Amino acid sequence: MQSEPAVPESTLPPKEHEPIKNMQRAPLKDVQGVRLIEVSEKAAVEVQLSKIQEKLEKRKAEYAEKMKNKIAEIHKKAEEKRAIVEASKRGDFLKLEEMAAKSRATGQTPKKTIGCFSCKNS
């Protein structure tokens, strides 16, 4: 078994199939190597940035959907309350009409004030 002679890595030419990590060991005098490292690091950071932006957009869309659902729920509850109030008013109006018909039939005025303020005696 013969051992290979020890050759410093900086003197060996970089192989094309080696990972970028090995390129970082390239001497700083090699301008092309520095550019290659810069481009690869920029690309890695841009990929991370795009992933983060995608996650944020997804969260934003989910949150917007939740808020729209809350708005729809609030609107539904308000419509139900309006319907209850309107039904109550209709019921009150029917009672007043019945009292008015009864008083017309008997010819007597009701003892309770119905809500007609213009008929008050001063």
PDB file of N, CA and C in Angstrom:
ATOM      1  N   MET A   1       0.831  -1.176   0.000  1.00  0.00           N
ATOM      2  CA  MET A   1       0.000   0.000   0.000  1.00  0.00           C
ATOM      3  C   MET A   1       0.872   1.233   0.000  1.00  0.00           C
ATOM      4  N   GLN A   2       0.717   1.977  -1.027  1.00  0.00           N
ATOM      5  CA  GLN A   2       1.470   3.211  -1.118  1.00  0.00           C
ATOM      6  C   GLN A   2       0.532   4.366  -0.817  1.00  0.00           C
ATOM      7  N   SER A   3       0.978   5.315  -0.087  1.00  0.00           N
ATOM      8  CA  SER A   3       0.174   6.491   0.193  1.00  0.00           C
ATOM      9  C   SER A   3       0.489   7.559  -0.841  1.00  0.00           C
ATOM     10  N   GLU A   4      -0.531   8.304  -1.158  1.00  0.00           N
ATOM     11  CA  GLU A   4      -0.356   9.364  -2.139  1.00  0.00           C
ATOM     12  C   GLU A   4       0.432  10.505  -1.516  1.00  0.00           C
ATOM     13  N   PRO A   5       1.190  11.207  -2.325  1.00  0.00           N
ATOM     14  CA  PRO A   5       1.938  12.327  -1.757  1.00  0.00           C
ATOM     15  C   PRO A   5       0.983  13.420  -1.309  1.00  0.00           C
ATOM     16  N   ALA A   6       1.296  14.042  -0.213  1.00  0.00           N
ATOM     17  CA  ALA A   6       0.453  15.105   0.339  1.00  0.00           C
ATOM     18  C   ALA A   6       0.600  16.351  -0.518  1.00  0.00           C
ATOM     19  N   VAL A   7      -0.529  16.759  -1.132  1.00  0.00           N
ATOM     20  CA  VAL A   7      -0.534  17.947  -1.977  1.00  0.00           C
ATOM     21  C   VAL A   7      -1.518  18.919  -1.360  1.00  0.00           C
ATOM     22  N   PRO A   8      -1.155  20.139  -1.151  1.00  0.00           N
ATOM     23  CA  PRO A   8      -2.103  21.105  -0.571  1.00  0.00           C
ATOM     24  C   PRO A   8      -3.321  21.256  -1.478  1.00  0.00           C
ATOM     25  N   GLU A   9      -4.494  21.382  -0.847  1.00  0.00           N
ATOM     26  CA  GLU A   9      -5.733  21.475  -1.601  1.00  0.00           C
ATOM     27  C   GLU A   9      -5.798  22.732  -2.449  1.00  0.00           C
ATOM     28  N   SER A  10      -5.153  23.780  -2.024  1.00  0.00           N
ATOM     29  CA  SER A  10      -5.226  25.038  -2.766  1.00  0.00           C
ATOM     30  C   SER A  10      -4.542  24.943  -4.117  1.00  0.00           C
ATOM     31  N   THR A  11      -3.629  23.985  -4.286  1.00  0.00           N
ATOM     32  CA  THR A  11      -2.932  23.855  -5.565  1.00  0.00           C
ATOM     33  C   THR A  11      -3.667  22.929  -6.512  1.00  0.00           C
ATOM     34  N   LEU A  12      -4.615  22.143  -5.983  1.00  0.00           N
ATOM     35  CA  LEU A  12      -5.375  21.240  -6.843  1.00  0.00           C
ATOM     36  C   LEU A  12      -6.479  22.010  -7.564  1.00  0.00           C
ATOM     37  N   PRO A  13      -6.715  21.719  -8.833  1.00  0.00           N
ATOM     38  CA  PRO A  13      -7.819  22.386  -9.532  1.00  0.00           C
ATOM     39  C   PRO A  13      -9.154  21.847  -9.015  1.00  0.00           C
ATOM     40  N   PRO A  14     -10.153  22.709  -8.841  1.00  0.00           N
ATOM     41  CA  PRO A  14     -11.448  22.235  -8.331  1.00  0.00           C
ATOM     42  C   PRO A  14     -12.148  21.380  -9.385  1.00  0.00           C
ATOM     43  N   LYS A  15     -12.777  20.323  -8.946  1.00  0.00           N
ATOM     44  CA  LYS A  15     -13.518  19.443  -9.845  1.00  0.00           C
ATOM     45  C   LYS A  15     -14.916  20.007 -10.042  1.00  0.00           C
ATOM     46  N   GLU A  16     -15.476  19.786 -11.198  1.00  0.00           N
ATOM     47  CA  GLU A  16     -16.794  20.352 -11.509  1.00  0.00           C
ATOM     48  C   GLU A  16     -17.900  19.710 -10.672  1.00  0.00           C
ATOM     49  N   HIS A  17     -17.742  18.471 -10.313  1.00  0.00           N
ATOM     50  CA  HIS A  17     -18.795  17.782  -9.576  1.00  0.00           C
ATOM     51  C   HIS A  17     -18.683  17.934  -8.064  1.00  0.00           C
ATOM     52  N   GLU A  18     -17.687  18.608  -7.574  1.00  0.00           N
ATOM     53  CA  GLU A  18     -17.550  18.820  -6.143  1.00  0.00           C
ATOM     54  C   GLU A  18     -18.564  19.852  -5.668  1.00  0.00           C
ATOM     55  N   PRO A  19     -19.033  19.728  -4.452  1.00  0.00           N
ATOM     56  CA  PRO A  19     -19.989  20.705  -3.926  1.00  0.00           C
ATOM     57  C   PRO A  19     -19.377  22.093  -3.803  1.00  0.00           C
ATOM     58  N   ILE A  20     -20.245  23.049  -3.632  1.00  0.00           N
ATOM     59  CA  ILE A  20     -19.824  24.444  -3.522  1.00  0.00           C
ATOM     60  C   ILE A  20     -18.952  24.651  -2.287  1.00  0.00           C
ATOM     61  N   LYS A  21     -19.133  23.832  -1.279  1.00  0.00           N
ATOM     62  CA  LYS A  21     -18.348  23.970  -0.060  1.00  0.00           C
ATOM     63  C   LYS A  21     -16.859  23.894  -0.360  1.00  0.00           C
ATOM     64  N   ASN A  22     -16.510  23.030  -1.273  1.00  0.00           N
ATOM     65  CA  ASN A  22     -15.101  22.910  -1.629  1.00  0.00           C
ATOM     66  C   ASN A  22     -14.620  24.148  -2.369  1.00  0.00           C
ATOM     67  N   MET A  23     -15.501  24.820  -3.067  1.00  0.00           N
ATOM     68  CA  MET A  23     -15.120  26.018  -3.801  1.00  0.00           C
ATOM     69  C   MET A  23     -14.793  27.163  -2.849  1.00  0.00           C
ATOM     70  N   GLN A  24     -15.343  27.101  -1.676  1.00  0.00           N
ATOM     71  CA  GLN A  24     -15.063  28.155  -0.715  1.00  0.00           C
ATOM     72  C   GLN A  24     -13.621  28.083  -0.232  1.00  0.00           C
ATOM     73  N   ARG A  25     -13.003  26.980  -0.442  1.00  0.00           N
ATOM     74  CA  ARG A  25     -11.603  26.827  -0.051  1.00  0.00           C
ATOM     75  C   ARG A  25     -10.660  27.410  -1.102  1.00  0.00           C
ATOM     76  N   ALA A  26     -11.239  27.814  -2.245  1.00  0.00           N
ATOM     77  CA  ALA A  26     -10.402  28.339  -3.331  1.00  0.00           C
ATOM     78  C   ALA A  26      -9.686  29.595  -2.860  1.00  0.00           C
ATOM     79  N   PRO A  27      -8.500  29.816  -3.373  1.00  0.00           N
ATOM     80  CA  PRO A  27      -7.773  31.008  -2.948  1.00  0.00           C
ATOM     81  C   PRO A  27      -8.507  32.276  -3.387  1.00  0.00           C
ATOM     82  N   LEU A  28      -8.398  33.318  -2.588  1.00  0.00           N
ATOM     83  CA  LEU A  28      -9.101  34.562  -2.872  1.00  0.00           C
ATOM     84  C   LEU A  28      -8.518  35.291  -4.075  1.00  0.00           C
ATOM     85  N   LYS A  29      -7.386  34.872  -4.537  1.00  0.00           N
ATOM     86  CA  LYS A  29      -6.774  35.519  -5.693  1.00  0.00           C
ATOM     87  C   LYS A  29      -7.525  35.182  -6.978  1.00  0.00           C
ATOM     88  N   ASP A  30      -8.256  34.074  -6.947  1.00  0.00           N
ATOM     89  CA  ASP A  30      -8.992  33.643  -8.129  1.00  0.00           C
ATOM     90  C   ASP A  30     -10.316  34.408  -8.204  1.00  0.00           C
ATOM     91  N   VAL A  31     -10.384  35.402  -9.055  1.00  0.00           N
ATOM     92  CA  VAL A  31     -11.559  36.264  -9.167  1.00  0.00           C
ATOM     93  C   VAL A  31     -12.769  35.461  -9.626  1.00  0.00           C
ATOM     94  N   GLN A  32     -12.566  34.563 -10.546  1.00  0.00           N
ATOM     95  CA  GLN A  32     -13.680  33.753 -11.036  1.00  0.00           C
ATOM     96  C   GLN A  32     -14.260  32.893  -9.912  1.00  0.00           C
ATOM     97  N   GLY A  33     -13.394  32.375  -9.049  1.00  0.00           N
ATOM     98  CA  GLY A  33     -13.853  31.582  -7.909  1.00  0.00           C
ATOM     99  C   GLY A  33     -14.664  32.417  -6.939  1.00  0.00           C
ATOM    100  N   VAL A  34     -14.226  33.643  -6.703  1.00  0.00           N
ATOM    101  CA  VAL A  34     -14.956  34.541  -5.802  1.00  0.00           C
ATOM    102  C   VAL A  34     -16.325  34.856  -6.380  1.00  0.00           C
ATOM    103  N   ARG A  35     -16.375  35.119  -7.678  1.00  0.00           N
ATOM    104  CA  ARG A  35     -17.664  35.400  -8.323  1.00  0.00           C
ATOM    105  C   ARG A  35     -18.587  34.197  -8.222  1.00  0.00           C
ATOM    106  N   LEU A  36     -18.028  33.024  -8.438  1.00  0.00           N
ATOM    107  CA  LEU A  36     -18.824  31.805  -8.363  1.00  0.00           C
ATOM    108  C   LEU A  36     -19.394  31.604  -6.966  1.00  0.00           C
ATOM    109  N   ILE A  37     -18.566  31.847  -5.968  1.00  0.00           N
ATOM    110  CA  ILE A  37     -19.026  31.731  -4.577  1.00  0.00           C
ATOM    111  C   ILE A  37     -20.115  32.757  -4.300  1.00  0.00           C
ATOM    112  N   GLU A  38     -19.919  33.988  -4.748  1.00  0.00           N
ATOM    113  CA  GLU A  38     -20.907  35.042  -4.531  1.00  0.00           C
ATOM    114  C   GLU A  38     -22.230  34.672  -5.176  1.00  0.00           C
ATOM    115  N   VAL A  39     -22.177  34.222  -6.404  1.00  0.00           N
ATOM    116  CA  VAL A  39     -23.408  33.871  -7.127  1.00  0.00           C
ATOM    117  C   VAL A  39     -24.120  32.720  -6.434  1.00  0.00           C
ATOM    118  N   SER A  40     -23.378  31.714  -6.006  1.00  0.00           N
ATOM    119  CA  SER A  40     -24.012  30.561  -5.366  1.00  0.00           C
ATOM    120  C   SER A  40     -24.618  30.943  -4.017  1.00  0.00           C
ATOM    121  N   GLU A  41     -23.917  31.786  -3.235  1.00  0.00           N
ATOM    122  CA  GLU A  41     -24.459  32.219  -1.948  1.00  0.00           C
ATOM    123  C   GLU A  41     -25.687  33.092  -2.132  1.00  0.00           C
ATOM    124  N   LYS A  42     -25.649  33.969  -3.127  1.00  0.00           N
ATOM    125  CA  LYS A  42     -26.820  34.806  -3.410  1.00  0.00           C
ATOM    126  C   LYS A  42     -28.010  33.939  -3.792  1.00  0.00           C
ATOM    127  N   ALA A  43     -27.757  32.946  -4.618  1.00  0.00           N
ATOM    128  CA  ALA A  43     -28.843  32.060  -5.053  1.00  0.00           C
ATOM    129  C   ALA A  43     -29.440  31.317  -3.860  1.00  0.00           C
ATOM    130  N   ALA A  44     -28.598  30.854  -2.964  1.00  0.00           N
ATOM    131  CA  ALA A  44     -29.085  30.138  -1.784  1.00  0.00           C
ATOM    132  C   ALA A  44     -29.945  31.048  -0.915  1.00  0.00           C
ATOM    133  N   VAL A  45     -29.502  32.282  -0.719  1.00  0.00           N
ATOM    134  CA  VAL A  45     -30.263  33.226   0.099  1.00  0.00           C
ATOM    135  C   VAL A  45     -31.582  33.582  -0.587  1.00  0.00           C
ATOM    136  N   GLU A  46     -31.554  33.743  -1.893  1.00  0.00           N
ATOM    137  CA  GLU A  46     -32.783  34.063  -2.624  1.00  0.00           C
ATOM    138  C   GLU A  46     -33.785  32.917  -2.559  1.00  0.00           C
ATOM    139  N   VAL A  47     -33.306  31.691  -2.580  1.00  0.00           N
ATOM    140  CA  VAL A  47     -34.198  30.537  -2.439  1.00  0.00           C
ATOM    141  C   VAL A  47     -34.844  30.548  -1.058  1.00  0.00           C
ATOM    142  N   GLN A  48     -34.038  30.815  -0.027  1.00  0.00           N
ATOM    143  CA  GLN A  48     -34.592  30.903   1.330  1.00  0.00           C
ATOM    144  C   GLN A  48     -35.631  32.017   1.419  1.00  0.00           C
ATOM    145  N   LEU A  49     -35.316  33.148   0.813  1.00  0.00           N
ATOM    146  CA  LEU A  49     -36.242  34.280   0.832  1.00  0.00           C
ATOM    147  C   LEU A  49     -37.551  33.928   0.141  1.00  0.00           C
ATOM    148  N   SER A  50     -37.475  33.274  -0.990  1.00  0.00           N
ATOM    149  CA  SER A  50     -38.697  32.919  -1.707  1.00  0.00           C
ATOM    150  C   SER A  50     -39.537  31.925  -0.907  1.00  0.00           C
ATOM    151  N   LYS A  51     -38.882  30.981  -0.212  1.00  0.00           N
ATOM    152  CA  LYS A  51     -39.623  30.033   0.624  1.00  0.00           C
ATOM    153  C   LYS A  51     -40.334  30.754   1.760  1.00  0.00           C
ATOM    154  N   ILE A  52     -39.634  31.693   2.381  1.00  0.00           N
ATOM    155  CA  ILE A  52     -40.238  32.459   3.476  1.00  0.00           C
ATOM    156  C   ILE A  52     -41.413  33.280   2.958  1.00  0.00           C
ATOM    157  N   GLN A  53     -41.243  33.893   1.790  1.00  0.00           N
ATOM    158  CA  GLN A  53     -42.332  34.694   1.221  1.00  0.00           C
ATOM    159  C   GLN A  53     -43.538  33.824   0.898  1.00  0.00           C
ATOM    160  N   GLU A  54     -43.309  32.622   0.400  1.00  0.00           N
ATOM    161  CA  GLU A  54     -44.421  31.710   0.118  1.00  0.00           C
ATOM    162  C   GLU A  54     -45.161  31.347   1.391  1.00  0.00           C
ATOM    163  N   LYS A  55     -44.417  31.066   2.461  1.00  0.00           N
ATOM    164  CA  LYS A  55     -45.050  30.740   3.737  1.00  0.00           C
ATOM    165  C   LYS A  55     -45.879  31.918   4.244  1.00  0.00           C
ATOM    166  N   LEU A  56     -45.315  33.125   4.142  1.00  0.00           N
ATOM    167  CA  LEU A  56     -46.037  34.314   4.602  1.00  0.00           C
ATOM    168  C   LEU A  56     -47.303  34.538   3.789  1.00  0.00           C
ATOM    169  N   GLU A  57     -47.217  34.359   2.477  1.00  0.00           N
ATOM    170  CA  GLU A  57     -48.398  34.527   1.623  1.00  0.00           C
ATOM    171  C   GLU A  57     -49.470  33.507   1.991  1.00  0.00           C
ATOM    172  N   LYS A  58     -49.049  32.288   2.274  1.00  0.00           N
ATOM    173  CA  LYS A  58     -50.003  31.250   2.656  1.00  0.00           C
ATOM    174  C   LYS A  58     -50.682  31.609   3.973  1.00  0.00           C
ATOM    175  N   ARG A  59     -49.873  32.041   4.964  1.00  0.00           N
ATOM    176  CA  ARG A  59     -50.446  32.447   6.254  1.00  0.00           C
ATOM    177  C   ARG A  59     -51.385  33.636   6.087  1.00  0.00           C
ATOM    178  N   LYS A  60     -50.984  34.577   5.252  1.00  0.00           N
ATOM    179  CA  LYS A  60     -51.810  35.761   5.020  1.00  0.00           C
ATOM    180  C   LYS A  60     -53.149  35.367   4.405  1.00  0.00           C
ATOM    181  N   ALA A  61     -53.125  34.454   3.444  1.00  0.00           N
ATOM    182  CA  ALA A  61     -54.358  34.003   2.804  1.00  0.00           C
ATOM    183  C   ALA A  61     -55.248  33.269   3.806  1.00  0.00           C
ATOM    184  N   GLU A  62     -54.648  32.426   4.651  1.00  0.00           N
ATOM    185  CA  GLU A  62     -55.426  31.713   5.668  1.00  0.00           C
ATOM    186  C   GLU A  62     -56.059  32.691   6.649  1.00  0.00           C
ATOM    187  N   TYR A  63     -55.304  33.684   7.088  1.00  0.00           N
ATOM    188  CA  TYR A  63     -55.811  34.665   8.038  1.00  0.00           C
ATOM    189  C   TYR A  63     -56.934  35.491   7.411  1.00  0.00           C
ATOM    190  N   ALA A  64     -56.750  35.870   6.145  1.00  0.00           N
ATOM    191  CA  ALA A  64     -57.783  36.638   5.452  1.00  0.00           C
ATOM    192  C   ALA A  64     -59.061  35.813   5.340  1.00  0.00           C
ATOM    193  N   GLU A  65     -58.935  34.533   5.078  1.00  0.00           N
ATOM    194  CA  GLU A  65     -60.106  33.657   4.983  1.00  0.00           C
ATOM    195  C   GLU A  65     -60.816  33.566   6.332  1.00  0.00           C
ATOM    196  N   LYS A  66     -60.039  33.452   7.417  1.00  0.00           N
ATOM    197  CA  LYS A  66     -60.642  33.411   8.753  1.00  0.00           C
ATOM    198  C   LYS A  66     -61.407  34.703   9.043  1.00  0.00           C
ATOM    199  N   MET A  67     -60.817  35.842   8.693  1.00  0.00           N
ATOM    200  CA  MET A  67     -61.468  37.125   8.951  1.00  0.00           C
ATOM    201  C   MET A  67     -62.744  37.263   8.116  1.00  0.00           C
ATOM    202  N   LYS A  68     -62.711  36.799   6.872  1.00  0.00           N
ATOM    203  CA  LYS A  68     -63.914  36.840   6.033  1.00  0.00           C
ATOM    204  C   LYS A  68     -65.007  35.966   6.628  1.00  0.00           C
ATOM    205  N   ASN A  69     -64.625  34.815   7.170  1.00  0.00           N
ATOM    206  CA  ASN A  69     -65.608  33.941   7.810  1.00  0.00           C
ATOM    207  C   ASN A  69     -66.200  34.604   9.047  1.00  0.00           C
ATOM    208  N   LYS A  70     -65.363  35.308   9.822  1.00  0.00           N
ATOM    209  CA  LYS A  70     -65.874  36.014  10.994  1.00  0.00           C
ATOM    210  C   LYS A  70     -66.851  37.114  10.582  1.00  0.00           C
ATOM    211  N   ILE A  71     -66.511  37.837   9.525  1.00  0.00           N
ATOM    212  CA  ILE A  71     -67.396  38.896   9.033  1.00  0.00           C
ATOM    213  C   ILE A  71     -68.730  38.307   8.599  1.00  0.00           C
ATOM    214  N   ALA A  72     -68.687  37.185   7.896  1.00  0.00           N
ATOM    215  CA  ALA A  72     -69.921  36.529   7.450  1.00  0.00           C
ATOM    216  C   ALA A  72     -70.760  36.061   8.641  1.00  0.00           C
ATOM    217  N   GLU A  73     -70.088  35.551   9.672  1.00  0.00           N
ATOM    218  CA  GLU A  73     -70.795  35.104  10.875  1.00  0.00           C
ATOM    219  C   GLU A  73     -71.457  36.282  11.590  1.00  0.00           C
ATOM    220  N   ILE A  74     -70.752  37.390  11.691  1.00  0.00           N
ATOM    221  CA  ILE A  74     -71.311  38.590  12.323  1.00  0.00           C
ATOM    222  C   ILE A  74     -72.523  39.076  11.539  1.00  0.00           C
ATOM    223  N   HIS A  75     -72.414  39.070  10.220  1.00  0.00           N
ATOM    224  CA  HIS A  75     -73.522  39.516   9.377  1.00  0.00           C
ATOM    225  C   HIS A  75     -74.735  38.593   9.554  1.00  0.00           C
ATOM    226  N   LYS A  76     -74.478  37.293   9.638  1.00  0.00           N
ATOM    227  CA  LYS A  76     -75.567  36.327   9.819  1.00  0.00           C
ATOM    228  C   LYS A  76     -76.283  36.558  11.150  1.00  0.00           C
ATOM    229  N   LYS A  77     -75.511  36.763  12.219  1.00  0.00           N
ATOM    230  CA  LYS A  77     -76.118  37.020  13.526  1.00  0.00           C
ATOM    231  C   LYS A  77     -76.931  38.314  13.516  1.00  0.00           C
ATOM    232  N   ALA A  78     -76.405  39.338  12.851  1.00  0.00           N
ATOM    233  CA  ALA A  78     -77.124  40.607  12.778  1.00  0.00           C
ATOM    234  C   ALA A  78     -78.437  40.441  12.008  1.00  0.00           C
ATOM    235  N   GLU A  79     -78.407  39.660  10.933  1.00  0.00           N
ATOM    236  CA  GLU A  79     -79.632  39.415  10.171  1.00  0.00           C
ATOM    237  C   GLU A  79     -80.660  38.686  11.028  1.00  0.00           C
ATOM    238  N   GLU A  80     -80.218  37.708  11.818  1.00  0.00           N
ATOM    239  CA  GLU A  80     -81.138  36.985  12.701  1.00  0.00           C
ATOM    240  C   GLU A  80     -81.758  37.930  13.734  1.00  0.00           C
ATOM    241  N   LYS A  81     -80.931  38.809  14.301  1.00  0.00           N
ATOM    242  CA  LYS A  81     -81.448  39.760  15.287  1.00  0.00           C
ATOM    243  C   LYS A  81     -82.430  40.726  14.652  1.00  0.00           C
ATOM    244  N   ARG A  82     -82.111  41.180  13.422  1.00  0.00           N
ATOM    245  CA  ARG A  82     -83.048  42.063  12.714  1.00  0.00           C
ATOM    246  C   ARG A  82     -84.382  41.374  12.489  1.00  0.00           C
ATOM    247  N   ALA A  83     -84.327  40.104  12.098  1.00  0.00           N
ATOM    248  CA  ALA A  83     -85.563  39.350  11.854  1.00  0.00           C
ATOM    249  C   ALA A  83     -86.382  39.233  13.139  1.00  0.00           C
ATOM    250  N   ILE A  84     -85.700  39.008  14.261  1.00  0.00           N
ATOM    251  CA  ILE A  84     -86.416  38.908  15.546  1.00  0.00           C
ATOM    252  C   ILE A  84     -87.069  40.239  15.897  1.00  0.00           C
ATOM    253  N   VAL A  85     -86.344  41.336  15.712  1.00  0.00           N
ATOM    254  CA  VAL A  85     -86.877  42.659  16.026  1.00  0.00           C
ATOM    255  C   VAL A  85     -88.070  42.977  15.115  1.00  0.00           C
ATOM    256  N   GLU A  86     -87.937  42.673  13.835  1.00  0.00           N
ATOM    257  CA  GLU A  86     -89.033  42.928  12.909  1.00  0.00           C
ATOM    258  C   GLU A  86     -90.256  42.091  13.253  1.00  0.00           C
ATOM    259  N   ALA A  87     -90.063  40.844  13.636  1.00  0.00           N
ATOM    260  CA  ALA A  87     -91.175  39.983  14.025  1.00  0.00           C
ATOM    261  C   ALA A  87     -91.852  40.536  15.278  1.00  0.00           C
ATOM    262  N   SER A  88     -91.048  41.014  16.210  1.00  0.00           N
ATOM    263  CA  SER A  88     -91.603  41.598  17.429  1.00  0.00           C
ATOM    264  C   SER A  88     -92.429  42.848  17.101  1.00  0.00           C
ATOM    265  N   LYS A  89     -91.908  43.682  16.203  1.00  0.00           N
ATOM    266  CA  LYS A  89     -92.646  44.883  15.808  1.00  0.00           C
ATOM    267  C   LYS A  89     -93.949  44.515  15.115  1.00  0.00           C
ATOM    268  N   ARG A  90     -93.885  43.500  14.245  1.00  0.00           N
ATOM    269  CA  ARG A  90     -95.119  43.066  13.576  1.00  0.00           C
ATOM    270  C   ARG A  90     -96.133  42.559  14.590  1.00  0.00           C
ATOM    271  N   GLY A  91     -95.652  41.812  15.597  1.00  0.00           N
ATOM    272  CA  GLY A  91     -96.548  41.304  16.637  1.00  0.00           C
ATOM    273  C   GLY A  91     -97.175  42.455  17.420  1.00  0.00           C
ATOM    274  N   ASP A  92     -96.363  43.455  17.764  1.00  0.00           N
ATOM    275  CA  ASP A  92     -96.885  44.622  18.478  1.00  0.00           C
ATOM    276  C   ASP A  92     -97.904  45.365  17.618  1.00  0.00           C
ATOM    277  N   PHE A  93     -97.619  45.485  16.349  1.00  0.00           N
ATOM    278  CA  PHE A  93     -98.527  46.192  15.447  1.00  0.00           C
ATOM    279  C   PHE A  93     -99.856  45.442  15.320  1.00  0.00           C
ATOM    280  N   LEU A  94     -99.787  44.110  15.265  1.00  0.00           N
ATOM    281  CA  LEU A  94    -101.023  43.315  15.193  1.00  0.00           C
ATOM    282  C   LEU A  94    -101.854  43.481  16.464  1.00  0.00           C
ATOM    283  N   LYS A  95    -101.178  43.526  17.614  1.00  0.00           N
ATOM    284  CA  LYS A  95    -101.898  43.733  18.874  1.00  0.00           C
ATOM    285  C   LYS A  95    -102.600  45.086  18.872  1.00  0.00           C
ATOM    286  N   LEU A  96    -101.899  46.119  18.388  1.00  0.00           N
ATOM    287  CA  LEU A  96    -102.503  47.447  18.332  1.00  0.00           C
ATOM    288  C   LEU A  96    -103.704  47.467  17.388  1.00  0.00           C
ATOM    289  N   GLU A  97    -103.583  46.795  16.257  1.00  0.00           N
ATOM    290  CA  GLU A  97    -104.697  46.738  15.313  1.00  0.00           C
ATOM    291  C   GLU A  97    -105.898  46.026  15.929  1.00  0.00           C
ATOM    292  N   GLU A  98    -105.636  44.937  16.677  1.00  0.00           N
ATOM    293  CA  GLU A  98    -106.728  44.214  17.337  1.00  0.00           C
ATOM    294  C   GLU A  98    -107.413  45.096  18.371  1.00  0.00           C
ATOM    295  N   MET A  99    -106.600  45.839  19.160  1.00  0.00           N
ATOM    296  CA  MET A  99    -107.174  46.739  20.163  1.00  0.00           C
ATOM    297  C   MET A  99    -108.005  47.835  19.491  1.00  0.00           C
ATOM    298  N   ALA A 100    -107.507  48.355  18.369  1.00  0.00           N
ATOM    299  CA  ALA A 100    -108.240  49.400  17.663  1.00  0.00           C
ATOM    300  C   ALA A 100    -109.545  48.856  17.102  1.00  0.00           C
ATOM    301  N   ALA A 101    -109.517  47.658  16.568  1.00  0.00           N
ATOM    302  CA  ALA A 101    -110.741  47.056  16.022  1.00  0.00           C
ATOM    303  C   ALA A 101    -111.747  46.790  17.134  1.00  0.00           C
ATOM    304  N   LYS A 102    -111.236  46.332  18.279  1.00  0.00           N
ATOM    305  CA  LYS A 102    -112.114  46.058  19.419  1.00  0.00           C
ATOM    306  C   LYS A 102    -112.758  47.348  19.921  1.00  0.00           C
ATOM    307  N   SER A 103    -111.957  48.414  20.011  1.00  0.00           N
ATOM    308  CA  SER A 103    -112.503  49.678  20.513  1.00  0.00           C
ATOM    309  C   SER A 103    -113.484  50.279  19.510  1.00  0.00           C
ATOM    310  N   ARG A 104    -113.246  50.087  18.219  1.00  0.00           N
ATOM    311  CA  ARG A 104    -114.205  50.572  17.213  1.00  0.00           C
ATOM    312  C   ARG A 104    -115.517  49.800  17.309  1.00  0.00           C
ATOM    313  N   ALA A 105    -115.393  48.494  17.539  1.00  0.00           N
ATOM    314  CA  ALA A 105    -116.594  47.663  17.605  1.00  0.00           C
ATOM    315  C   ALA A 105    -117.422  48.000  18.841  1.00  0.00           C
ATOM    316  N   THR A 106    -116.791  48.280  19.948  1.00  0.00           N
ATOM    317  CA  THR A 106    -117.519  48.570  21.189  1.00  0.00           C
ATOM    318  C   THR A 106    -117.828  50.053  21.317  1.00  0.00           C
ATOM    319  N   GLY A 107    -117.105  50.869  20.597  1.00  0.00           N
ATOM    320  CA  GLY A 107    -117.337  52.302  20.690  1.00  0.00           C
ATOM    321  C   GLY A 107    -116.671  52.944  21.885  1.00  0.00           C
ATOM    322  N   GLN A 108    -115.846  52.234  22.565  1.00  0.00           N
ATOM    323  CA  GLN A 108    -115.148  52.778  23.727  1.00  0.00           C
ATOM    324  C   GLN A 108    -113.702  53.079  23.361  1.00  0.00           C
ATOM    325  N   THR A 109    -113.179  54.085  24.035  1.00  0.00           N
ATOM    326  CA  THR A 109    -111.752  54.396  23.828  1.00  0.00           C
ATOM    327  C   THR A 109    -110.941  53.555  24.807  1.00  0.00           C
ATOM    328  N   PRO A 110    -109.786  53.124  24.389  1.00  0.00           N
ATOM    329  CA  PRO A 110    -108.971  52.293  25.287  1.00  0.00           C
ATOM    330  C   PRO A 110    -108.454  53.122  26.466  1.00  0.00           C
ATOM    331  N   LYS A 111    -108.309  52.455  27.605  1.00  0.00           N
ATOM    332  CA  LYS A 111    -107.839  53.145  28.796  1.00  0.00           C
ATOM    333  C   LYS A 111    -106.322  53.340  28.760  1.00  0.00           C
ATOM    334  N   LYS A 112    -105.608  52.444  28.128  1.00  0.00           N
ATOM    335  CA  LYS A 112    -104.154  52.587  28.000  1.00  0.00           C
ATOM    336  C   LYS A 112    -103.850  53.481  26.815  1.00  0.00           C
ATOM    337  N   THR A 113    -102.751  54.193  26.912  1.00  0.00           N
ATOM    338  CA  THR A 113    -102.316  55.015  25.791  1.00  0.00           C
ATOM    339  C   THR A 113    -101.675  54.099  24.760  1.00  0.00           C
ATOM    340  N   ILE A 114    -102.111  54.212  23.549  1.00  0.00           N
ATOM    341  CA  ILE A 114    -101.611  53.329  22.494  1.00  0.00           C
ATOM    342  C   ILE A 114    -100.287  53.836  21.958  1.00  0.00           C
ATOM    343  N   GLY A 115    -100.046  55.075  22.061  1.00  0.00           N
ATOM    344  CA  GLY A 115     -98.813  55.610  21.553  1.00  0.00           C
ATOM    345  C   GLY A 115     -99.058  56.770  20.606  1.00  0.00           C
ATOM    346  N   CYS A 116    -100.282  57.279  20.614  1.00  0.00           N
ATOM    347  CA  CYS A 116    -100.607  58.384  19.752  1.00  0.00           C
ATOM    348  C   CYS A 116    -100.424  59.654  20.593  1.00  0.00           C
ATOM    349  N   PHE A 117     -99.343  60.360  20.409  1.00  0.00           N
ATOM    350  CA  PHE A 117     -99.042  61.523  21.224  1.00  0.00           C
ATOM    351  C   PHE A 117     -99.803  62.774  20.759  1.00  0.00           C
ATOM    352  N   SER A 118    -100.294  62.763  19.540  1.00  0.00           N
ATOM    353  CA  SER A 118    -101.008  63.946  19.044  1.00  0.00           C
ATOM    354  C   SER A 118    -102.419  64.012  19.624  1.00  0.00           C
ATOM    355  N   CYS A 119    -102.914  62.910  20.178  1.00  0.00           N
ATOM    356  CA  CYS A 119    -104.264  62.889  20.732  1.00  0.00           C
ATOM    357  C   CYS A 119    -104.290  63.243  22.210  1.00  0.00           C
ATOM    358  N   LYS A 120    -103.192  63.574  22.807  1.00  0.00           N
ATOM    359  CA  LYS A 120    -103.150  63.898  24.233  1.00  0.00           C
ATOM    360  C   LYS A 120    -103.906  65.194  24.486  1.00  0.00           C
ATOM    361  N   ASN A 121    -104.611  65.211  25.579  1.00  0.00           N
ATOM    362  CA  ASN A 121    -105.304  66.423  25.996  1.00  0.00           C
ATOM    363  C   ASN A 121    -104.330  67.269  26.828  1.00  0.00           C
ATOM    364  N   SER A 122    -104.204  68.529  26.502  1.00  0.00           N
ATOM    365  CA  SER A 122    -103.290  69.383  27.232  1.00  0.00           C
ATOM    366  C   SER A 122    -103.988  70.055  28.371  1.00  0.00           C
TER     367      SER A 122
END
